[in-house]
Amino acid sequence: MSTRTYSVAWYIDATLIEASDGDKSWWDGEFLPGAKVPVAGIFRCIGCSREIALARNGNLPPGGHHQHEEKARPIAWRLIVRANTSGHATMRAIGGCQAAASRRRGGETVPT
């Protein structure tokens, strides 16, 4: 029997991603097909690991959006990455943006 391993959403610059302390209810919940989501982000199906990005107050796909194998869990979604829609960056994220921009310019630094 082979085992498939699924990774979490991919990224190219770890300095732009921050771990959450998980203190909000949206991290713990499972959302049913068609449900309105409370925050913008990437949601993963807990039955098959498909991912979808939604805006705040967007609706998850309906139940017939995709099918699962008989042995898989029913379709339900979990938030895995919350989007920063406020535009307020943390100092870590600001430093990451500056470093990424510097790499794109070939390493030269530009005063901010």
Protein backbone atom coordinates (compact mmCIF):
# COMPACT_ATOMS: atom_id res chain seq x y z
CA MET A 1 0.00 0.00 0.00
CA SER A 2 1.48 3.34 -1.02
CA THR A 3 1.14 6.45 1.08
CA ARG A 4 0.77 9.89 -0.44
CA THR A 5 2.18 12.86 1.40
CA TYR A 6 0.64 16.27 0.82
CA SER A 7 2.51 19.44 1.57
CA VAL A 8 0.99 22.65 2.81
CA ALA A 9 0.65 25.64 0.47
CA TRP A 10 3.96 26.58 -1.16
CA TYR A 11 5.78 29.88 -0.85
CA ILE A 12 8.95 31.43 -2.26
CA ASP A 13 9.95 33.82 0.51
CA ALA A 14 9.69 32.58 4.08
CA THR A 15 10.32 36.07 5.45
CA LEU A 16 6.85 37.09 4.24
CA ILE A 17 5.08 34.33 6.18
CA GLU A 18 4.48 34.49 9.92
CA ALA A 19 3.16 31.83 12.24
CA SER A 20 -0.02 32.67 14.10
CA ASP A 21 -0.60 31.99 17.76
CA GLY A 22 -3.90 30.41 16.69
CA ASP A 23 -5.94 32.44 19.15
CA LYS A 24 -8.86 33.07 16.75
CA SER A 25 -11.75 30.68 16.22
CA TRP A 26 -11.28 30.57 12.43
CA TRP A 27 -8.11 28.49 12.91
CA ASP A 28 -9.95 25.71 14.76
CA GLY A 29 -13.09 25.40 12.72
CA GLU A 30 -14.04 23.25 9.80
CA PHE A 31 -16.16 24.95 7.17
CA LEU A 32 -18.80 23.07 5.20
CA PRO A 33 -19.27 23.35 1.44
CA GLY A 34 -20.95 26.63 0.49
CA ALA A 35 -20.17 28.27 3.84
CA LYS A 36 -19.25 31.96 4.03
CA VAL A 37 -15.69 32.38 5.35
CA PRO A 38 -14.87 34.97 8.04
CA VAL A 39 -11.39 35.87 6.75
CA ALA A 40 -9.48 35.94 3.47
CA GLY A 41 -7.00 33.16 2.95
CA ILE A 42 -6.20 29.73 1.62
CA PHE A 43 -8.56 26.95 2.65
CA ARG A 44 -7.73 23.24 2.36
CA CYS A 45 -10.17 20.38 1.99
CA ILE A 46 -9.56 18.07 4.94
CA GLY A 47 -10.62 15.04 2.92
CA CYS A 48 -8.36 15.36 -0.13
CA SER A 49 -5.98 18.32 0.50
CA ARG A 50 -7.19 20.47 -2.41
CA GLU A 51 -6.75 24.17 -1.74
CA ILE A 52 -8.71 27.25 -2.69
CA ALA A 53 -8.14 30.96 -2.06
CA LEU A 54 -11.07 33.12 -1.01
CA ALA A 55 -11.72 36.73 -0.09
CA ARG A 56 -13.28 37.58 3.27
CA ASN A 57 -17.02 36.78 3.29
CA GLY A 58 -16.55 34.64 0.16
CA ASN A 59 -18.34 31.33 -0.16
CA LEU A 60 -16.60 27.99 -0.31
CA PRO A 61 -17.46 25.82 -3.31
CA PRO A 62 -20.67 23.79 -3.12
CA GLY A 63 -20.56 20.10 -2.22
CA GLY A 64 -20.48 18.97 -5.86
CA HIS A 65 -17.34 21.03 -6.60
CA HIS A 66 -15.15 17.93 -6.43
CA GLN A 67 -15.54 14.28 -5.49
CA HIS A 68 -13.76 12.15 -2.92
CA GLU A 69 -12.96 8.47 -2.96
CA GLU A 70 -15.38 6.41 -0.89
CA LYS A 71 -12.85 5.96 1.93
CA ALA A 72 -12.04 9.66 2.21
CA ARG A 73 -13.60 12.03 4.71
CA PRO A 74 -16.55 14.13 3.56
CA ILE A 75 -15.78 17.52 2.01
CA ALA A 76 -14.99 20.14 4.65
CA TRP A 77 -12.51 23.01 4.59
CA ARG A 78 -9.96 24.38 7.06
CA LEU A 79 -8.12 27.70 6.95
CA ILE A 80 -4.38 27.06 6.48
CA VAL A 81 -3.06 30.53 5.53
CA ARG A 82 -4.76 33.77 6.48
CA ALA A 83 -4.25 36.71 4.11
CA ASN A 84 -3.15 40.09 5.45
CA THR A 85 -5.84 42.31 3.99
CA SER A 86 -5.28 45.21 6.41
CA GLY A 87 -2.09 46.38 4.73
CA HIS A 88 -0.42 46.69 8.14
CA ALA A 89 2.85 44.79 7.95
CA THR A 90 4.85 43.64 10.94
CA MET A 91 8.50 44.61 11.22
CA ARG A 92 9.50 41.06 10.24
CA ALA A 93 7.41 41.27 7.07
CA ILE A 94 8.78 44.73 6.25
CA GLY A 95 12.34 43.40 6.57
CA GLY A 96 11.42 40.46 4.33
CA CYS A 97 10.00 42.75 1.65
CA GLN A 98 13.15 44.86 1.67
CA ALA A 99 15.36 41.76 1.44
CA ALA A 100 13.31 40.32 -1.43
CA ALA A 101 13.43 43.62 -3.30
CA SER A 102 17.18 43.80 -2.77
CA ARG A 103 17.61 40.28 -4.22
CA ARG A 104 15.56 41.27 -7.28
CA ARG A 105 17.81 44.31 -7.80
CA GLY A 106 20.95 42.14 -7.65
CA GLY A 107 21.80 42.81 -4.02
CA GLU A 108 22.04 46.58 -4.09
CA THR A 109 20.47 48.30 -1.13
CA VAL A 110 18.22 51.28 -1.51
CA PRO A 111 17.41 53.57 1.44
CA THR A 112 13.79 53.49 2.53
